[in-house]
């Protein structure tokens, strides 16, 4: 059990490091919190909650993987290298794809609820 507790501690340290050093991670967390608040306000269904939570987790995980890849590349090769640039660009692209998919899911879930809310006030 001690090994498991240590590994969880290392994982938390990684999350804290990412939160402390990565502005984009903070942006993704902020967006995730806003979506969670919207979920409570609009009383989304259990299936919608599953989609929202999976999207938030996916985007945050991709941002952390991107950060890990960038930091590893910086350790391996300190100067400019075209192969490192491509690697970093691909990792950043993965974050962008996950964020776009999450935004589309949020739009599918929340836009009809927002329209319905506005229509109820008209």
N, C-alpha and C. Protein backbone atom coordinates (compact mmCIF):
# COMPACT_ATOMS: atom_id res chain seq x y z
N UNK A 1 0.82 -1.20 0.00
CA UNK A 1 0.00 0.00 0.00
C UNK A 1 0.86 1.26 0.00
N UNK A 2 2.00 1.21 0.63
CA UNK A 2 2.89 2.36 0.69
C UNK A 2 3.32 2.81 -0.70
N UNK A 3 3.57 1.85 -1.57
CA UNK A 3 3.96 2.17 -2.95
C UNK A 3 2.85 2.93 -3.67
N UNK A 4 1.61 2.48 -3.46
CA UNK A 4 0.47 3.13 -4.07
C UNK A 4 0.34 4.56 -3.57
N UNK A 5 0.47 4.76 -2.28
CA UNK A 5 0.37 6.10 -1.69
C UNK A 5 1.46 7.01 -2.24
N UNK A 6 2.67 6.48 -2.38
CA UNK A 6 3.76 7.27 -2.97
C UNK A 6 3.43 7.67 -4.40
N UNK A 7 2.91 6.72 -5.18
CA UNK A 7 2.61 7.03 -6.59
C UNK A 7 1.50 8.08 -6.69
N UNK A 8 0.53 8.02 -5.80
CA UNK A 8 -0.51 9.04 -5.78
C UNK A 8 0.09 10.39 -5.40
N UNK A 9 1.02 10.39 -4.46
CA UNK A 9 1.71 11.63 -4.08
C UNK A 9 2.48 12.23 -5.24
N UNK A 10 3.16 11.37 -6.02
CA UNK A 10 3.89 11.86 -7.20
C UNK A 10 2.92 12.46 -8.22
N UNK A 11 1.78 11.80 -8.40
CA UNK A 11 0.79 12.30 -9.35
C UNK A 11 0.25 13.66 -8.91
N UNK A 12 -0.05 13.81 -7.62
CA UNK A 12 -0.52 15.10 -7.10
C UNK A 12 0.54 16.18 -7.27
N UNK A 13 1.80 15.79 -7.06
CA UNK A 13 2.89 16.75 -7.26
C UNK A 13 2.93 17.20 -8.72
N UNK A 14 2.70 16.28 -9.64
CA UNK A 14 2.67 16.64 -11.06
C UNK A 14 1.53 17.58 -11.38
N UNK A 15 0.36 17.32 -10.80
CA UNK A 15 -0.79 18.21 -11.02
C UNK A 15 -0.50 19.59 -10.46
N UNK A 16 0.05 19.65 -9.24
CA UNK A 16 0.37 20.95 -8.62
C UNK A 16 1.42 21.69 -9.44
N UNK A 17 2.41 20.96 -9.96
CA UNK A 17 3.45 21.58 -10.78
C UNK A 17 2.84 22.18 -12.04
N UNK A 18 1.97 21.43 -12.66
CA UNK A 18 1.31 21.91 -13.89
C UNK A 18 0.45 23.15 -13.58
N UNK A 19 -0.26 23.09 -12.49
CA UNK A 19 -1.11 24.22 -12.10
C UNK A 19 -0.27 25.46 -11.79
N UNK A 20 0.88 25.26 -11.17
CA UNK A 20 1.73 26.39 -10.78
C UNK A 20 2.49 26.99 -11.96
N UNK A 21 2.77 26.18 -12.99
CA UNK A 21 3.67 26.66 -14.04
C UNK A 21 3.04 26.84 -15.42
N UNK A 22 1.83 26.36 -15.60
CA UNK A 22 1.24 26.37 -16.95
C UNK A 22 -0.02 27.22 -17.02
N UNK A 23 0.06 28.40 -17.62
CA UNK A 23 -1.13 29.27 -17.75
C UNK A 23 -2.28 28.60 -18.49
N UNK A 24 -1.99 27.82 -19.52
CA UNK A 24 -3.06 27.17 -20.27
C UNK A 24 -3.80 26.14 -19.43
N UNK A 25 -3.09 25.48 -18.52
CA UNK A 25 -3.75 24.53 -17.62
C UNK A 25 -4.74 25.27 -16.73
N UNK A 26 -4.35 26.45 -16.25
CA UNK A 26 -5.25 27.26 -15.42
C UNK A 26 -6.48 27.69 -16.22
N UNK A 27 -6.27 28.03 -17.48
CA UNK A 27 -7.40 28.42 -18.34
C UNK A 27 -8.34 27.24 -18.52
N UNK A 28 -7.79 26.05 -18.78
CA UNK A 28 -8.64 24.87 -18.96
C UNK A 28 -9.39 24.53 -17.68
N UNK A 29 -8.75 24.66 -16.54
CA UNK A 29 -9.44 24.40 -15.26
C UNK A 29 -10.56 25.42 -15.06
N UNK A 30 -10.28 26.68 -15.35
CA UNK A 30 -11.31 27.73 -15.21
C UNK A 30 -12.51 27.44 -16.10
N UNK A 31 -12.25 27.06 -17.34
CA UNK A 31 -13.34 26.72 -18.25
C UNK A 31 -14.12 25.51 -17.73
N UNK A 32 -13.39 24.53 -17.22
CA UNK A 32 -14.05 23.35 -16.66
C UNK A 32 -14.95 23.69 -15.49
N UNK A 33 -14.49 24.58 -14.61
CA UNK A 33 -15.29 25.00 -13.46
C UNK A 33 -16.55 25.73 -13.94
N UNK A 34 -16.40 26.60 -14.94
CA UNK A 34 -17.57 27.31 -15.48
C UNK A 34 -18.59 26.34 -16.07
N UNK A 35 -18.10 25.32 -16.76
CA UNK A 35 -19.01 24.32 -17.34
C UNK A 35 -19.70 23.53 -16.23
N UNK A 36 -18.97 23.19 -15.17
CA UNK A 36 -19.58 22.49 -14.05
C UNK A 36 -20.68 23.34 -13.40
N UNK A 37 -20.41 24.62 -13.23
CA UNK A 37 -21.41 25.53 -12.67
C UNK A 37 -22.63 25.58 -13.58
N UNK A 38 -22.38 25.69 -14.89
CA UNK A 38 -23.50 25.71 -15.85
C UNK A 38 -24.30 24.41 -15.77
N UNK A 39 -23.60 23.30 -15.57
CA UNK A 39 -24.29 22.02 -15.44
C UNK A 39 -25.27 22.01 -14.27
N UNK A 40 -24.86 22.59 -13.15
CA UNK A 40 -25.75 22.67 -11.99
C UNK A 40 -26.90 23.65 -12.25
N UNK A 41 -26.59 24.77 -12.86
CA UNK A 41 -27.62 25.78 -13.13
C UNK A 41 -28.69 25.22 -14.07
N UNK A 42 -28.25 24.54 -15.13
CA UNK A 42 -29.19 24.04 -16.13
C UNK A 42 -29.70 22.62 -15.83
N UNK A 43 -29.27 22.05 -14.70
CA UNK A 43 -29.73 20.72 -14.28
C UNK A 43 -29.62 19.70 -15.41
N UNK A 44 -28.39 19.53 -15.90
CA UNK A 44 -28.17 18.61 -17.01
C UNK A 44 -28.40 17.17 -16.56
N UNK A 45 -28.69 16.32 -17.52
CA UNK A 45 -28.99 14.91 -17.24
C UNK A 45 -27.74 14.15 -16.86
N UNK A 46 -27.92 12.93 -16.38
CA UNK A 46 -26.79 12.09 -16.01
C UNK A 46 -25.88 11.82 -17.21
N UNK A 47 -26.48 11.60 -18.37
CA UNK A 47 -25.68 11.36 -19.58
C UNK A 47 -24.90 12.60 -19.99
N UNK A 48 -25.52 13.75 -19.83
CA UNK A 48 -24.82 15.00 -20.12
C UNK A 48 -23.68 15.22 -19.13
N UNK A 49 -23.91 14.87 -17.86
CA UNK A 49 -22.83 14.97 -16.87
C UNK A 49 -21.66 14.08 -17.24
N UNK A 50 -21.97 12.88 -17.69
CA UNK A 50 -20.90 11.97 -18.10
C UNK A 50 -20.07 12.57 -19.23
N UNK A 51 -20.76 13.13 -20.22
CA UNK A 51 -20.05 13.75 -21.35
C UNK A 51 -19.21 14.93 -20.89
N UNK A 52 -19.78 15.77 -20.03
CA UNK A 52 -19.07 16.96 -19.53
C UNK A 52 -17.83 16.55 -18.75
N UNK A 53 -17.98 15.60 -17.84
CA UNK A 53 -16.85 15.18 -17.01
C UNK A 53 -15.76 14.51 -17.84
N UNK A 54 -16.16 13.68 -18.81
CA UNK A 54 -15.17 13.06 -19.69
C UNK A 54 -14.43 14.11 -20.51
N UNK A 55 -15.14 15.09 -21.01
CA UNK A 55 -14.48 16.15 -21.80
C UNK A 55 -13.51 16.95 -20.94
N UNK A 56 -13.92 17.33 -19.75
CA UNK A 56 -13.04 18.09 -18.86
C UNK A 56 -11.80 17.27 -18.54
N UNK A 57 -11.99 16.02 -18.16
CA UNK A 57 -10.85 15.17 -17.85
C UNK A 57 -9.94 14.95 -19.03
N UNK A 58 -10.52 14.81 -20.21
CA UNK A 58 -9.73 14.60 -21.42
C UNK A 58 -8.87 15.82 -21.75
N UNK A 59 -9.47 17.00 -21.69
CA UNK A 59 -8.72 18.22 -22.01
C UNK A 59 -7.61 18.46 -20.99
N UNK A 60 -7.91 18.30 -19.70
CA UNK A 60 -6.89 18.50 -18.68
C UNK A 60 -5.76 17.48 -18.82
N UNK A 61 -6.12 16.24 -19.10
CA UNK A 61 -5.09 15.20 -19.30
C UNK A 61 -4.23 15.50 -20.51
N UNK A 62 -4.84 15.94 -21.60
CA UNK A 62 -4.07 16.27 -22.80
C UNK A 62 -3.14 17.44 -22.54
N UNK A 63 -3.60 18.43 -21.79
CA UNK A 63 -2.75 19.58 -21.46
C UNK A 63 -1.56 19.13 -20.62
N UNK A 64 -1.78 18.22 -19.70
CA UNK A 64 -0.69 17.72 -18.87
C UNK A 64 0.30 16.89 -19.70
N UNK A 65 -0.21 16.08 -20.60
CA UNK A 65 0.69 15.31 -21.48
C UNK A 65 1.49 16.25 -22.38
N UNK A 66 0.84 17.28 -22.89
CA UNK A 66 1.54 18.26 -23.71
C UNK A 66 2.67 18.92 -22.90
N UNK A 67 2.36 19.29 -21.67
CA UNK A 67 3.37 19.91 -20.81
C UNK A 67 4.53 18.96 -20.56
N UNK A 68 4.22 17.69 -20.29
CA UNK A 68 5.27 16.71 -20.04
C UNK A 68 6.16 16.53 -21.28
N UNK A 69 5.55 16.47 -22.44
CA UNK A 69 6.32 16.31 -23.68
C UNK A 69 7.21 17.53 -23.92
N UNK A 70 6.65 18.73 -23.72
CA UNK A 70 7.44 19.95 -23.91
C UNK A 70 8.63 20.00 -22.94
N UNK A 71 8.38 19.67 -21.68
CA UNK A 71 9.46 19.72 -20.69
C UNK A 71 10.54 18.67 -21.00
N UNK A 72 10.12 17.49 -21.42
CA UNK A 72 11.08 16.45 -21.79
C UNK A 72 11.91 16.89 -23.00
N UNK A 73 11.26 17.46 -24.00
CA UNK A 73 11.98 17.96 -25.18
C UNK A 73 13.00 19.02 -24.79
N UNK A 74 12.63 19.90 -23.85
CA UNK A 74 13.55 20.95 -23.41
C UNK A 74 14.76 20.38 -22.69
N UNK A 75 14.59 19.28 -22.00
CA UNK A 75 15.71 18.63 -21.31
C UNK A 75 16.61 17.91 -22.31
N UNK A 76 15.98 17.23 -23.27
CA UNK A 76 16.73 16.42 -24.23
C UNK A 76 17.55 17.29 -25.18
N UNK A 77 16.95 18.40 -25.63
CA UNK A 77 17.63 19.22 -26.63
C UNK A 77 17.33 20.68 -26.32
N UNK A 78 18.30 21.39 -25.81
CA UNK A 78 18.08 22.76 -25.34
C UNK A 78 18.00 23.79 -26.46
N UNK A 79 18.73 23.60 -27.55
CA UNK A 79 18.69 24.54 -28.66
C UNK A 79 17.50 24.21 -29.58
N UNK A 80 17.33 25.08 -30.58
CA UNK A 80 16.28 24.82 -31.57
C UNK A 80 16.62 23.58 -32.37
N UNK A 81 15.62 22.74 -32.58
CA UNK A 81 15.76 21.57 -33.43
C UNK A 81 14.43 21.37 -34.14
N UNK A 82 14.44 21.23 -35.49
CA UNK A 82 13.18 21.12 -36.21
C UNK A 82 12.35 19.91 -35.78
N UNK A 83 12.99 18.83 -35.42
CA UNK A 83 12.25 17.65 -34.97
C UNK A 83 11.57 17.88 -33.63
N UNK A 84 12.23 18.61 -32.74
CA UNK A 84 11.64 18.95 -31.45
C UNK A 84 10.45 19.89 -31.66
N UNK A 85 10.61 20.85 -32.58
CA UNK A 85 9.51 21.78 -32.87
C UNK A 85 8.29 21.02 -33.36
N UNK A 86 8.49 20.07 -34.26
CA UNK A 86 7.38 19.28 -34.79
C UNK A 86 6.72 18.48 -33.65
N UNK A 87 7.54 17.89 -32.80
CA UNK A 87 7.01 17.12 -31.67
C UNK A 87 6.15 17.99 -30.76
N UNK A 88 6.67 19.18 -30.44
CA UNK A 88 5.91 20.09 -29.58
C UNK A 88 4.63 20.56 -30.26
N UNK A 89 4.71 20.84 -31.56
CA UNK A 89 3.52 21.28 -32.30
C UNK A 89 2.45 20.19 -32.32
N UNK A 90 2.86 18.96 -32.50
CA UNK A 90 1.90 17.85 -32.54
C UNK A 90 1.23 17.70 -31.16
N UNK A 91 2.02 17.78 -30.10
CA UNK A 91 1.45 17.68 -28.75
C UNK A 91 0.48 18.82 -28.48
N UNK A 92 0.83 20.03 -28.90
CA UNK A 92 -0.07 21.18 -28.74
C UNK A 92 -1.33 20.99 -29.58
N UNK A 93 -1.17 20.42 -30.76
CA UNK A 93 -2.32 20.14 -31.61
C UNK A 93 -3.29 19.16 -30.97
N UNK A 94 -2.75 18.19 -30.24
CA UNK A 94 -3.61 17.23 -29.54
C UNK A 94 -4.47 17.93 -28.49
N UNK A 95 -3.89 18.91 -27.80
CA UNK A 95 -4.66 19.68 -26.83
C UNK A 95 -5.75 20.47 -27.55
N UNK A 96 -5.39 21.09 -28.66
CA UNK A 96 -6.36 21.87 -29.41
C UNK A 96 -7.53 21.01 -29.89
N UNK A 97 -7.23 19.84 -30.41
CA UNK A 97 -8.30 18.93 -30.87
C UNK A 97 -9.22 18.57 -29.71
N UNK A 98 -8.64 18.23 -28.56
CA UNK A 98 -9.47 17.86 -27.41
C UNK A 98 -10.32 19.04 -26.94
N UNK A 99 -9.76 20.24 -26.95
CA UNK A 99 -10.51 21.42 -26.53
C UNK A 99 -11.64 21.74 -27.50
N UNK A 100 -11.39 21.58 -28.80
CA UNK A 100 -12.45 21.82 -29.79
C UNK A 100 -13.59 20.82 -29.61
N UNK A 101 -13.25 19.55 -29.43
CA UNK A 101 -14.28 18.53 -29.23
C UNK A 101 -15.07 18.83 -27.95
N UNK A 102 -14.38 19.23 -26.89
CA UNK A 102 -15.06 19.58 -25.64
C UNK A 102 -16.00 20.76 -25.84
N UNK A 103 -15.56 21.75 -26.60
CA UNK A 103 -16.40 22.93 -26.86
C UNK A 103 -17.63 22.54 -27.68
N UNK A 104 -17.47 21.66 -28.64
CA UNK A 104 -18.61 21.19 -29.44
C UNK A 104 -19.59 20.44 -28.55
N UNK A 105 -19.08 19.58 -27.68
CA UNK A 105 -19.96 18.85 -26.75
C UNK A 105 -20.71 19.83 -25.85
N UNK A 106 -20.00 20.83 -25.34
CA UNK A 106 -20.64 21.84 -24.48
C UNK A 106 -21.72 22.59 -25.26
N UNK A 107 -21.44 22.92 -26.50
CA UNK A 107 -22.44 23.62 -27.33
C UNK A 107 -23.68 22.75 -27.53
N UNK A 108 -23.47 21.47 -27.83
CA UNK A 108 -24.60 20.56 -28.04
C UNK A 108 -25.45 20.45 -26.78
N UNK A 109 -24.81 20.43 -25.62
CA UNK A 109 -25.53 20.28 -24.36
C UNK A 109 -26.18 21.59 -23.93
N UNK A 110 -25.46 22.70 -24.01
CA UNK A 110 -25.92 23.94 -23.37
C UNK A 110 -26.68 24.90 -24.27
N UNK A 111 -26.38 24.95 -25.56
CA UNK A 111 -27.08 25.92 -26.42
C UNK A 111 -28.59 25.73 -26.41
N UNK A 112 -29.10 24.49 -26.55
CA UNK A 112 -30.57 24.35 -26.48
C UNK A 112 -31.14 24.81 -25.12
N UNK A 113 -30.41 24.59 -24.05
CA UNK A 113 -30.88 25.00 -22.72
C UNK A 113 -30.87 26.53 -22.60
N UNK A 114 -29.86 27.17 -23.17
CA UNK A 114 -29.78 28.63 -23.14
C UNK A 114 -30.90 29.23 -23.99
N UNK A 115 -31.13 28.67 -25.17
CA UNK A 115 -32.22 29.15 -26.04
C UNK A 115 -33.56 29.01 -25.33
N UNK A 116 -33.76 27.87 -24.70
CA UNK A 116 -35.01 27.63 -23.97
C UNK A 116 -35.19 28.64 -22.84
N UNK A 117 -34.11 28.95 -22.15
CA UNK A 117 -34.17 29.93 -21.07
C UNK A 117 -34.57 31.29 -21.59
N UNK A 118 -33.95 31.73 -22.70
CA UNK A 118 -34.29 33.03 -23.28
C UNK A 118 -35.72 33.05 -23.79
N UNK A 119 -36.19 31.95 -24.37
CA UNK A 119 -37.55 31.90 -24.88
C UNK A 119 -38.58 31.97 -23.76
N UNK A 120 -38.21 31.45 -22.59
CA UNK A 120 -39.14 31.49 -21.46
C UNK A 120 -39.29 32.91 -20.91
N UNK A 121 -38.34 33.78 -21.19
CA UNK A 121 -38.42 35.16 -20.74
C UNK A 121 -39.05 36.08 -21.77
N UNK A 122 -39.28 35.60 -22.98
CA UNK A 122 -39.87 36.45 -24.02
C UNK A 122 -41.36 36.38 -24.05
